[in-house]
N, C-alpha and C. Protein backbone atom coordinates (compact mmCIF):
# COMPACT_ATOMS: atom_id res chain seq x y z
N MET A 1 1.93 13.86 -7.87
CA MET A 1 2.00 12.41 -7.22
C MET A 1 2.07 11.45 -8.34
N GLN A 2 3.02 10.59 -8.44
CA GLN A 2 3.00 9.44 -9.35
C GLN A 2 2.49 8.25 -8.77
N LYS A 3 1.90 7.43 -9.51
CA LYS A 3 1.19 6.02 -8.96
C LYS A 3 1.24 5.10 -10.11
N GLU A 4 1.79 3.88 -9.57
CA GLU A 4 1.57 2.67 -10.39
C GLU A 4 0.44 1.85 -10.29
N ALA A 5 -0.22 1.24 -11.03
CA ALA A 5 -1.47 0.38 -10.83
C ALA A 5 -1.11 -0.86 -10.02
N PRO A 6 -1.99 -1.28 -9.30
CA PRO A 6 -1.74 -2.57 -8.47
C PRO A 6 -1.66 -3.76 -9.30
N ASN A 7 -0.96 -4.71 -8.87
CA ASN A 7 -0.83 -6.04 -9.48
C ASN A 7 -1.91 -7.01 -8.97
N GLU A 8 -1.88 -8.30 -9.15
CA GLU A 8 -2.87 -9.15 -9.06
C GLU A 8 -2.93 -10.18 -7.71
N HIS A 9 -1.77 -10.57 -7.19
CA HIS A 9 -1.88 -11.61 -6.12
C HIS A 9 -1.17 -11.32 -4.93
N CYS A 10 -2.00 -11.47 -3.84
CA CYS A 10 -1.43 -11.30 -2.50
C CYS A 10 -0.29 -12.12 -1.99
N HIS A 11 -0.56 -13.44 -2.39
CA HIS A 11 0.54 -14.35 -1.99
C HIS A 11 1.88 -14.28 -2.84
N ASP A 12 1.81 -13.60 -3.94
CA ASP A 12 3.08 -13.44 -4.59
C ASP A 12 3.64 -12.01 -4.28
N ARG A 13 3.02 -11.25 -3.32
CA ARG A 13 3.52 -9.92 -2.92
C ARG A 13 3.58 -8.94 -4.16
N LYS A 14 2.88 -9.20 -5.00
CA LYS A 14 2.83 -8.20 -6.24
C LYS A 14 1.68 -7.31 -6.27
N ASN A 15 0.86 -7.47 -5.38
CA ASN A 15 -0.34 -6.58 -5.37
C ASN A 15 0.16 -5.17 -4.53
N GLU A 16 0.71 -4.33 -5.17
CA GLU A 16 1.21 -3.25 -4.56
C GLU A 16 1.10 -1.95 -5.41
N ILE A 17 1.29 -0.96 -4.82
CA ILE A 17 1.01 0.53 -5.36
C ILE A 17 2.44 1.23 -4.92
N HIS A 18 3.12 1.95 -5.84
CA HIS A 18 4.16 2.64 -5.54
C HIS A 18 3.80 4.04 -5.83
N LEU A 19 4.15 5.07 -4.82
CA LEU A 19 3.69 6.46 -4.82
C LEU A 19 4.98 7.28 -4.63
N SER A 20 4.95 8.37 -5.40
CA SER A 20 6.02 9.27 -5.14
C SER A 20 5.29 10.63 -5.02
N PHE A 21 5.63 11.50 -3.96
CA PHE A 21 5.00 12.77 -3.75
C PHE A 21 5.98 13.88 -3.83
N ALA A 22 5.46 15.12 -4.66
CA ALA A 22 6.58 16.18 -4.72
C ALA A 22 6.30 17.08 -3.56
N SER A 23 5.21 17.01 -2.77
CA SER A 23 4.74 17.91 -1.68
C SER A 23 4.13 17.08 -0.69
N VAL A 24 4.55 17.31 0.63
CA VAL A 24 4.25 16.82 1.92
C VAL A 24 2.61 16.92 1.98
N ASP A 25 1.90 17.83 1.29
CA ASP A 25 0.65 18.11 1.29
C ASP A 25 -0.29 17.01 0.60
N GLU A 26 0.45 16.40 -0.29
CA GLU A 26 -0.25 15.33 -1.05
C GLU A 26 -0.10 13.99 -0.48
N VAL A 27 0.66 13.87 0.60
CA VAL A 27 0.91 12.50 1.17
C VAL A 27 -0.29 11.78 1.65
N HIS A 28 -1.01 12.60 2.66
CA HIS A 28 -2.13 11.82 3.34
C HIS A 28 -3.23 11.37 2.27
N ALA A 29 -3.66 12.35 1.53
CA ALA A 29 -4.70 11.88 0.51
C ALA A 29 -4.19 10.79 -0.36
N GLY A 30 -2.99 11.05 -0.92
CA GLY A 30 -2.56 9.77 -1.75
C GLY A 30 -2.30 8.52 -1.22
N LEU A 31 -1.98 8.48 0.15
CA LEU A 31 -1.93 7.12 0.89
C LEU A 31 -3.32 6.56 1.18
N ASP A 32 -4.22 7.55 1.53
CA ASP A 32 -5.61 6.99 1.74
C ASP A 32 -6.28 6.57 0.58
N GLU A 33 -5.92 7.02 -0.64
CA GLU A 33 -6.51 6.66 -1.90
C GLU A 33 -6.04 5.39 -2.27
N ALA A 34 -4.61 5.05 -2.05
CA ALA A 34 -4.00 3.83 -2.43
C ALA A 34 -4.55 2.69 -1.35
N VAL A 35 -4.55 2.95 -0.07
CA VAL A 35 -5.20 2.03 0.82
C VAL A 35 -6.52 1.62 0.54
N SER A 36 -7.36 2.56 0.08
CA SER A 36 -8.86 2.31 -0.28
C SER A 36 -8.77 1.36 -1.41
N THR A 37 -7.94 1.72 -2.39
CA THR A 37 -7.95 0.67 -3.63
C THR A 37 -7.50 -0.80 -3.13
N LEU A 38 -6.63 -0.89 -2.35
CA LEU A 38 -6.22 -2.19 -1.97
C LEU A 38 -7.23 -2.87 -0.93
N ILE A 39 -8.00 -2.11 -0.25
CA ILE A 39 -8.92 -2.66 0.68
C ILE A 39 -9.83 -3.55 -0.16
N GLU A 40 -10.19 -3.18 -1.25
CA GLU A 40 -11.12 -4.06 -2.14
C GLU A 40 -10.38 -5.36 -2.61
N ALA A 41 -9.14 -5.10 -2.97
CA ALA A 41 -8.40 -6.41 -3.28
C ALA A 41 -8.10 -7.40 -2.14
N ALA A 42 -7.97 -6.79 -0.89
CA ALA A 42 -7.71 -7.65 0.22
C ALA A 42 -9.06 -8.32 0.71
N ALA A 43 -10.22 -7.66 0.36
CA ALA A 43 -11.63 -8.38 0.76
C ALA A 43 -11.77 -9.41 -0.14
N GLU A 44 -11.37 -9.27 -1.32
CA GLU A 44 -11.67 -10.36 -2.40
C GLU A 44 -10.75 -11.59 -2.03
N ASP A 45 -9.47 -11.26 -1.66
CA ASP A 45 -8.55 -12.36 -1.18
C ASP A 45 -8.87 -12.97 0.16
N GLY A 46 -9.11 -12.14 1.23
CA GLY A 46 -9.40 -12.52 2.59
C GLY A 46 -8.20 -13.04 3.34
N ARG A 47 -7.21 -13.06 2.95
CA ARG A 47 -5.80 -13.67 3.52
C ARG A 47 -4.93 -12.58 4.06
N CYS A 48 -4.90 -11.40 3.41
CA CYS A 48 -3.85 -10.33 3.64
C CYS A 48 -4.30 -9.07 4.19
N GLY A 49 -3.46 -8.39 4.94
CA GLY A 49 -3.79 -7.19 5.33
C GLY A 49 -3.00 -6.12 4.48
N ILE A 50 -2.83 -4.87 4.79
CA ILE A 50 -2.32 -3.94 3.97
C ILE A 50 -0.97 -3.36 4.83
N LEU A 51 0.15 -3.18 4.08
CA LEU A 51 1.34 -2.72 4.62
C LEU A 51 1.65 -1.52 3.72
N VAL A 52 1.95 -0.44 4.65
CA VAL A 52 2.40 0.91 4.07
C VAL A 52 3.85 1.10 4.50
N THR A 53 4.67 1.08 3.47
CA THR A 53 6.17 1.37 3.68
C THR A 53 6.69 2.46 3.30
N ARG A 54 7.20 3.39 4.08
CA ARG A 54 7.86 4.69 3.59
C ARG A 54 9.30 4.20 3.30
N ARG A 55 9.66 4.43 2.05
CA ARG A 55 10.87 4.11 1.43
C ARG A 55 11.98 5.17 1.69
N GLU A 56 11.51 6.28 1.51
CA GLU A 56 12.44 7.55 1.72
C GLU A 56 11.48 8.72 1.80
N PRO A 57 11.97 9.93 2.13
CA PRO A 57 10.80 11.14 2.15
C PRO A 57 10.25 11.10 0.71
N GLY A 58 8.85 11.04 0.78
CA GLY A 58 8.13 11.26 -0.52
C GLY A 58 8.00 10.04 -1.28
N SER A 59 8.43 8.87 -0.89
CA SER A 59 8.33 7.63 -1.55
C SER A 59 7.76 6.47 -0.59
N TYR A 60 6.56 6.03 -1.06
CA TYR A 60 5.86 4.98 -0.38
C TYR A 60 5.51 3.89 -1.08
N THR A 61 5.50 2.64 -0.47
CA THR A 61 4.80 1.40 -1.21
C THR A 61 3.58 1.08 -0.25
N VAL A 62 2.44 0.79 -1.04
CA VAL A 62 1.34 0.28 -0.26
C VAL A 62 0.98 -1.04 -0.94
N ALA A 63 0.89 -2.13 -0.02
CA ALA A 63 0.81 -3.38 -0.59
C ALA A 63 0.12 -4.39 0.31
N LEU A 64 -0.66 -5.41 -0.41
CA LEU A 64 -1.16 -6.49 0.35
C LEU A 64 -0.11 -7.29 0.88
N ASP A 65 -0.12 -7.84 2.09
CA ASP A 65 1.01 -8.48 2.88
C ASP A 65 0.42 -9.56 3.66
N GLU A 66 0.97 -10.80 3.49
CA GLU A 66 0.51 -11.96 4.31
C GLU A 66 0.88 -11.80 5.64
N SER A 67 1.90 -10.92 5.93
CA SER A 67 2.51 -10.85 7.44
C SER A 67 1.45 -9.91 8.24
N VAL A 68 0.55 -9.23 7.60
CA VAL A 68 -0.37 -8.30 8.24
C VAL A 68 -1.76 -9.01 8.18
N PRO A 69 -2.26 -9.23 9.49
CA PRO A 69 -3.61 -9.98 9.50
C PRO A 69 -4.68 -9.26 8.58
N PHE A 70 -5.51 -10.14 8.00
CA PHE A 70 -6.57 -9.51 7.15
C PHE A 70 -7.48 -8.53 8.11
N GLY A 71 -7.85 -7.39 7.35
CA GLY A 71 -8.62 -6.53 8.24
C GLY A 71 -7.73 -5.31 8.79
N GLN A 72 -6.32 -5.49 8.67
CA GLN A 72 -5.42 -4.57 9.46
C GLN A 72 -4.62 -3.93 8.46
N THR A 73 -4.09 -2.57 8.80
CA THR A 73 -3.29 -1.76 7.91
C THR A 73 -2.01 -1.48 8.83
N ARG A 74 -0.95 -1.78 8.60
CA ARG A 74 0.49 -1.39 9.27
C ARG A 74 1.21 -0.65 8.60
N GLU A 75 2.01 0.33 9.32
CA GLU A 75 2.86 1.35 8.48
C GLU A 75 4.25 1.09 9.03
N VAL A 76 5.20 0.95 8.30
CA VAL A 76 6.61 0.78 8.52
C VAL A 76 7.58 1.71 7.97
N LEU A 77 8.83 1.99 8.30
CA LEU A 77 9.85 2.69 7.73
C LEU A 77 10.86 1.68 7.28
N ALA A 78 11.16 1.82 5.91
CA ALA A 78 12.12 0.91 5.39
C ALA A 78 13.59 1.18 6.08
N ALA A 79 14.36 0.27 6.29
CA ALA A 79 15.60 0.44 7.08
C ALA A 79 16.67 1.03 6.12
C-alpha cells in the first residue's frame, strides 16, 4: 500500500489521503486506517464528513468533504 499524508484544510478540499493497493486483501484495513486518521481532523474542524472515492481498482481517495455532513462517512465510485 502506498499512502500520502493528509493536508490541512477541509474547506479547501486539501485534507485528503491517496491510497494505492497492490492486493485486495489490503483494501479494508488501509481504508479503515485512512478514515480513522481523518476522523480526528474532522472532529477538529466540525464542518465536514469523510468521503471515500474509488478512483479505479486498487486506487482510492479518502478526504474531508463539506458535501458530507459532519459525523458521516460516504463512499462513491468515480465516474
